[in-house]
Amino acid sequence: MTTTNSATATSRSSLRDGVLSGLAGGLVLGLLMAGVGTLPVVGMLIAVDSALVGFAVHMAISAAAGAGFGALARRLPDQVVPLCAAGVLYGVLWWAAGALLVMPLWLSATADPAMADLVLVVGDAQWVSLFGHVFFGLATAATLLALRGHAR
């Protein structure tokens, strides 16, 4: 196998492992969202007020986020502390970008103009969301580490 083929295979493997890891992290966050009743709001991103649709949309976003983490984490050592710390940071970044910015803006444009008032607002619901996104990042990183076969 040439170096180019090896790099391509490694890149594909990182993305595949990232997608699978994101789905694991998404399941963890999705369970929290189901418990607090926020999945229908996620469904409203595609104009469907349904917890089941919201869960499907959430899992698709989680798979994409996991692919991104898998690609970024290729440069990180296969060790628990650095990878899990990166996972927590990645979860916090997704919380800030997604829950505090993109979701309120998207929903204000498509479903409820009042959602614009929630852009970058941190209240009780957002703290719960942060908690869930931290665990999304931890679960994603831990799953990625396990898939790499380097859990120590």
C-alpha atoms as a PDB file:
ATOM      1  CA  MET A   1       0.000   0.000   0.000  1.00  0.00           C
ATOM      2  CA  THR A   2       1.402   3.399  -0.907  1.00  0.00           C
ATOM      3  CA  THR A   3       1.615   6.287   1.518  1.00  0.00           C
ATOM      4  CA  THR A   4      -1.249   8.071  -0.258  1.00  0.00           C
ATOM      5  CA  ASN A   5      -3.474   4.988  -0.069  1.00  0.00           C
ATOM      6  CA  SER A   6      -2.544   4.510   3.575  1.00  0.00           C
ATOM      7  CA  ALA A   7      -3.397   8.131   4.399  1.00  0.00           C
ATOM      8  CA  THR A   8      -6.720   7.815   2.552  1.00  0.00           C
ATOM      9  CA  ALA A   9      -7.561   4.605   4.417  1.00  0.00           C
ATOM     10  CA  THR A  10      -6.642   6.234   7.725  1.00  0.00           C
ATOM     11  CA  SER A  11      -8.787   9.253   6.880  1.00  0.00           C
ATOM     12  CA  ARG A  12     -11.764   7.035   5.969  1.00  0.00           C
ATOM     13  CA  SER A  13     -11.276   5.005   9.156  1.00  0.00           C
ATOM     14  CA  SER A  14     -11.158   8.183  11.283  1.00  0.00           C
ATOM     15  CA  LEU A  15     -14.377   9.450   9.730  1.00  0.00           C
ATOM     16  CA  ARG A  16     -16.143   6.091  10.076  1.00  0.00           C
ATOM     17  CA  ASP A  17     -15.043   5.730  13.693  1.00  0.00           C
ATOM     18  CA  GLY A  18     -16.038   9.353  14.304  1.00  0.00           C
ATOM     19  CA  VAL A  19     -19.539   8.790  12.896  1.00  0.00           C
ATOM     20  CA  LEU A  20     -20.021   5.711  15.077  1.00  0.00           C
ATOM     21  CA  SER A  21     -18.679   7.577  18.100  1.00  0.00           C
ATOM     22  CA  GLY A  22     -20.953  10.540  17.403  1.00  0.00           C
ATOM     23  CA  LEU A  23     -23.924   8.194  17.275  1.00  0.00           C
ATOM     24  CA  ALA A  24     -22.949   6.800  20.693  1.00  0.00           C
ATOM     25  CA  GLY A  25     -22.588  10.316  22.095  1.00  0.00           C
ATOM     26  CA  GLY A  26     -25.833  11.314  20.403  1.00  0.00           C
ATOM     27  CA  LEU A  27     -27.648   8.469  22.098  1.00  0.00           C
ATOM     28  CA  VAL A  28     -26.456   9.704  25.497  1.00  0.00           C
ATOM     29  CA  LEU A  29     -27.515  13.288  24.779  1.00  0.00           C
ATOM     30  CA  GLY A  30     -30.729  12.109  23.094  1.00  0.00           C
ATOM     31  CA  LEU A  31     -31.771  10.235  26.228  1.00  0.00           C
ATOM     32  CA  LEU A  32     -31.324  13.397  28.286  1.00  0.00           C
ATOM     33  CA  MET A  33     -33.272  15.399  25.695  1.00  0.00           C
ATOM     34  CA  ALA A  34     -36.064  12.834  25.759  1.00  0.00           C
ATOM     35  CA  GLY A  35     -36.140  13.047  29.546  1.00  0.00           C
ATOM     36  CA  VAL A  36     -36.547  16.814  29.571  1.00  0.00           C
ATOM     37  CA  GLY A  37     -38.891  16.910  26.572  1.00  0.00           C
ATOM     38  CA  THR A  38     -36.780  18.910  24.123  1.00  0.00           C
ATOM     39  CA  LEU A  39     -36.734  16.479  21.178  1.00  0.00           C
ATOM     40  CA  PRO A  40     -39.837  18.019  19.512  1.00  0.00           C
ATOM     41  CA  VAL A  41     -37.977  21.342  19.383  1.00  0.00           C
ATOM     42  CA  VAL A  42     -35.195  19.640  17.410  1.00  0.00           C
ATOM     43  CA  GLY A  43     -37.840  18.239  15.068  1.00  0.00           C
ATOM     44  CA  MET A  44     -38.961  21.795  14.432  1.00  0.00           C
ATOM     45  CA  LEU A  45     -35.628  22.382  12.678  1.00  0.00           C
ATOM     46  CA  ILE A  46     -37.305  20.597   9.766  1.00  0.00           C
ATOM     47  CA  ALA A  47     -40.798  21.878  10.627  1.00  0.00           C
ATOM     48  CA  VAL A  48     -42.040  18.668  12.269  1.00  0.00           C
ATOM     49  CA  ASP A  49     -43.185  18.917  15.902  1.00  0.00           C
ATOM     50  CA  SER A  50     -42.384  15.327  16.868  1.00  0.00           C
ATOM     51  CA  ALA A  51     -40.075  13.746  19.422  1.00  0.00           C
ATOM     52  CA  LEU A  52     -39.338  10.817  17.088  1.00  0.00           C
ATOM     53  CA  VAL A  53     -38.437  13.117  14.192  1.00  0.00           C
ATOM     54  CA  GLY A  54     -36.459  15.290  16.594  1.00  0.00           C
ATOM     55  CA  PHE A  55     -34.496  12.245  17.712  1.00  0.00           C
ATOM     56  CA  ALA A  56     -33.750  11.309  14.085  1.00  0.00           C
ATOM     57  CA  VAL A  57     -32.582  14.858  13.304  1.00  0.00           C
ATOM     58  CA  HIS A  58     -30.522  14.902  16.494  1.00  0.00           C
ATOM     59  CA  MET A  59     -28.858  11.592  15.592  1.00  0.00           C
ATOM     60  CA  ALA A  60     -28.020  12.842  12.077  1.00  0.00           C
ATOM     61  CA  ILE A  61     -26.404  15.945  13.588  1.00  0.00           C
ATOM     62  CA  SER A  62     -24.579  13.739  16.102  1.00  0.00           C
ATOM     63  CA  ALA A  63     -23.198  11.536  13.316  1.00  0.00           C
ATOM     64  CA  ALA A  64     -21.903  14.612  11.474  1.00  0.00           C
ATOM     65  CA  ALA A  65     -20.446  16.067  14.679  1.00  0.00           C
ATOM     66  CA  GLY A  66     -18.810  12.723  15.417  1.00  0.00           C
ATOM     67  CA  ALA A  67     -17.250  12.637  11.941  1.00  0.00           C
ATOM     68  CA  GLY A  68     -15.777  16.054  12.644  1.00  0.00           C
ATOM     69  CA  PHE A  69     -14.423  14.899  15.982  1.00  0.00           C
ATOM     70  CA  GLY A  70     -12.962  11.771  14.389  1.00  0.00           C
ATOM     71  CA  ALA A  71     -11.154  13.900  11.816  1.00  0.00           C
ATOM     72  CA  LEU A  72      -9.869  16.369  14.416  1.00  0.00           C
ATOM     73  CA  ALA A  73      -8.872  13.651  16.884  1.00  0.00           C
ATOM     74  CA  ARG A  74      -6.546  11.935  14.402  1.00  0.00           C
ATOM     75  CA  ARG A  75      -3.835  14.255  15.653  1.00  0.00           C
ATOM     76  CA  LEU A  76      -4.481  13.496  19.328  1.00  0.00           C
ATOM     77  CA  PRO A  77      -2.708  10.739  21.246  1.00  0.00           C
ATOM     78  CA  ASP A  78      -4.673   7.550  21.897  1.00  0.00           C
ATOM     79  CA  GLN A  79      -4.844   8.236  25.615  1.00  0.00           C
ATOM     80  CA  VAL A  80      -7.874   8.636  27.842  1.00  0.00           C
ATOM     81  CA  VAL A  81      -7.163  12.053  29.349  1.00  0.00           C
ATOM     82  CA  PRO A  82      -6.231  14.024  26.203  1.00  0.00           C
ATOM     83  CA  LEU A  83      -8.974  12.466  24.080  1.00  0.00           C
ATOM     84  CA  CYS A  84     -11.701  12.840  26.719  1.00  0.00           C
ATOM     85  CA  ALA A  85     -10.626  16.420  27.489  1.00  0.00           C
ATOM     86  CA  ALA A  86     -10.864  17.181  23.766  1.00  0.00           C
ATOM     87  CA  GLY A  87     -14.284  15.498  23.718  1.00  0.00           C
ATOM     88  CA  VAL A  88     -15.551  17.684  26.568  1.00  0.00           C
ATOM     89  CA  LEU A  89     -14.251  20.811  24.826  1.00  0.00           C
ATOM     90  CA  TYR A  90     -15.835  19.663  21.545  1.00  0.00           C
ATOM     91  CA  GLY A  91     -19.173  19.112  23.319  1.00  0.00           C
ATOM     92  CA  VAL A  92     -19.017  22.593  24.860  1.00  0.00           C
ATOM     93  CA  LEU A  93     -18.266  24.111  21.444  1.00  0.00           C
ATOM     94  CA  TRP A  94     -21.254  22.286  19.900  1.00  0.00           C
ATOM     95  CA  TRP A  95     -23.417  23.543  22.768  1.00  0.00           C
ATOM     96  CA  ALA A  96     -22.335  27.139  22.205  1.00  0.00           C
ATOM     97  CA  ALA A  97     -22.656  26.983  18.419  1.00  0.00           C
ATOM     98  CA  GLY A  98     -25.740  24.775  18.236  1.00  0.00           C
ATOM     99  CA  ALA A  99     -27.908  25.338  21.277  1.00  0.00           C
ATOM    100  CA  LEU A 100     -27.065  28.988  21.895  1.00  0.00           C
ATOM    101  CA  LEU A 101     -26.733  30.273  18.347  1.00  0.00           C
ATOM    102  CA  VAL A 102     -27.841  28.109  15.413  1.00  0.00           C
ATOM    103  CA  MET A 103     -31.015  26.575  16.892  1.00  0.00           C
ATOM    104  CA  PRO A 104     -32.559  29.832  18.136  1.00  0.00           C
ATOM    105  CA  LEU A 105     -31.675  31.624  14.891  1.00  0.00           C
ATOM    106  CA  TRP A 106     -32.954  28.797  12.689  1.00  0.00           C
ATOM    107  CA  LEU A 107     -36.154  28.385  14.677  1.00  0.00           C
ATOM    108  CA  SER A 108     -36.754  32.143  14.740  1.00  0.00           C
ATOM    109  CA  ALA A 109     -36.544  32.169  10.939  1.00  0.00           C
ATOM    110  CA  THR A 110     -38.653  29.051  10.339  1.00  0.00           C
ATOM    111  CA  ALA A 111     -40.978  28.340  13.246  1.00  0.00           C
ATOM    112  CA  ASP A 112     -41.176  30.964  15.979  1.00  0.00           C
ATOM    113  CA  PRO A 113     -39.835  34.521  15.647  1.00  0.00           C
ATOM    114  CA  ALA A 114     -39.691  34.766  19.451  1.00  0.00           C
ATOM    115  CA  MET A 115     -36.811  32.240  19.427  1.00  0.00           C
ATOM    116  CA  ALA A 116     -34.526  35.087  18.301  1.00  0.00           C
ATOM    117  CA  ASP A 117     -34.777  36.373  21.875  1.00  0.00           C
ATOM    118  CA  LEU A 118     -32.969  33.207  23.032  1.00  0.00           C
ATOM    119  CA  VAL A 119     -29.797  33.711  20.979  1.00  0.00           C
ATOM    120  CA  LEU A 120     -26.821  33.485  23.352  1.00  0.00           C
ATOM    121  CA  VAL A 121     -29.146  33.425  26.380  1.00  0.00           C
ATOM    122  CA  VAL A 122     -28.126  31.056  29.163  1.00  0.00           C
ATOM    123  CA  GLY A 123     -30.925  30.029  31.515  1.00  0.00           C
ATOM    124  CA  ASP A 124     -31.914  26.808  33.255  1.00  0.00           C
ATOM    125  CA  ALA A 125     -32.705  24.937  30.031  1.00  0.00           C
ATOM    126  CA  GLN A 126     -29.357  25.912  28.508  1.00  0.00           C
ATOM    127  CA  TRP A 127     -27.444  24.702  31.578  1.00  0.00           C
ATOM    128  CA  VAL A 128     -29.145  21.317  31.219  1.00  0.00           C
ATOM    129  CA  SER A 129     -28.202  21.364  27.550  1.00  0.00           C
ATOM    130  CA  LEU A 130     -24.570  22.149  28.447  1.00  0.00           C
ATOM    131  CA  PHE A 131     -24.549  19.190  30.838  1.00  0.00           C
ATOM    132  CA  GLY A 132     -25.831  16.944  28.042  1.00  0.00           C
ATOM    133  CA  HIS A 133     -23.325  18.255  25.505  1.00  0.00           C
ATOM    134  CA  VAL A 134     -20.441  17.629  27.930  1.00  0.00           C
ATOM    135  CA  PHE A 135     -21.599  14.030  28.219  1.00  0.00           C
ATOM    136  CA  PHE A 136     -22.025  13.882  24.419  1.00  0.00           C
ATOM    137  CA  GLY A 137     -18.358  14.860  24.103  1.00  0.00           C
ATOM    138  CA  LEU A 138     -17.217  12.380  26.755  1.00  0.00           C
ATOM    139  CA  ALA A 139     -19.203   9.501  25.270  1.00  0.00           C
ATOM    140  CA  THR A 140     -18.033  10.362  21.760  1.00  0.00           C
ATOM    141  CA  ALA A 141     -14.373  10.478  22.831  1.00  0.00           C
ATOM    142  CA  ALA A 142     -14.578   7.294  24.917  1.00  0.00           C
ATOM    143  CA  THR A 143     -16.265   5.418  22.073  1.00  0.00           C
ATOM    144  CA  LEU A 144     -13.663   6.682  19.604  1.00  0.00           C
ATOM    145  CA  LEU A 145     -10.892   5.512  21.890  1.00  0.00           C
ATOM    146  CA  ALA A 146     -12.494   2.088  22.204  1.00  0.00           C
ATOM    147  CA  LEU A 147     -12.976   1.811  18.430  1.00  0.00           C
ATOM    148  CA  ARG A 148      -9.336   2.641  17.909  1.00  0.00           C
ATOM    149  CA  GLY A 149      -8.567  -0.332  20.148  1.00  0.00           C
ATOM    150  CA  HIS A 150      -6.451   1.711  22.499  1.00  0.00           C
ATOM    151  CA  ALA A 151      -8.619   1.955  25.605  1.00  0.00           C
ATOM    152  CA  ARG A 152      -6.190   2.061  28.531  1.00  0.00           C
END
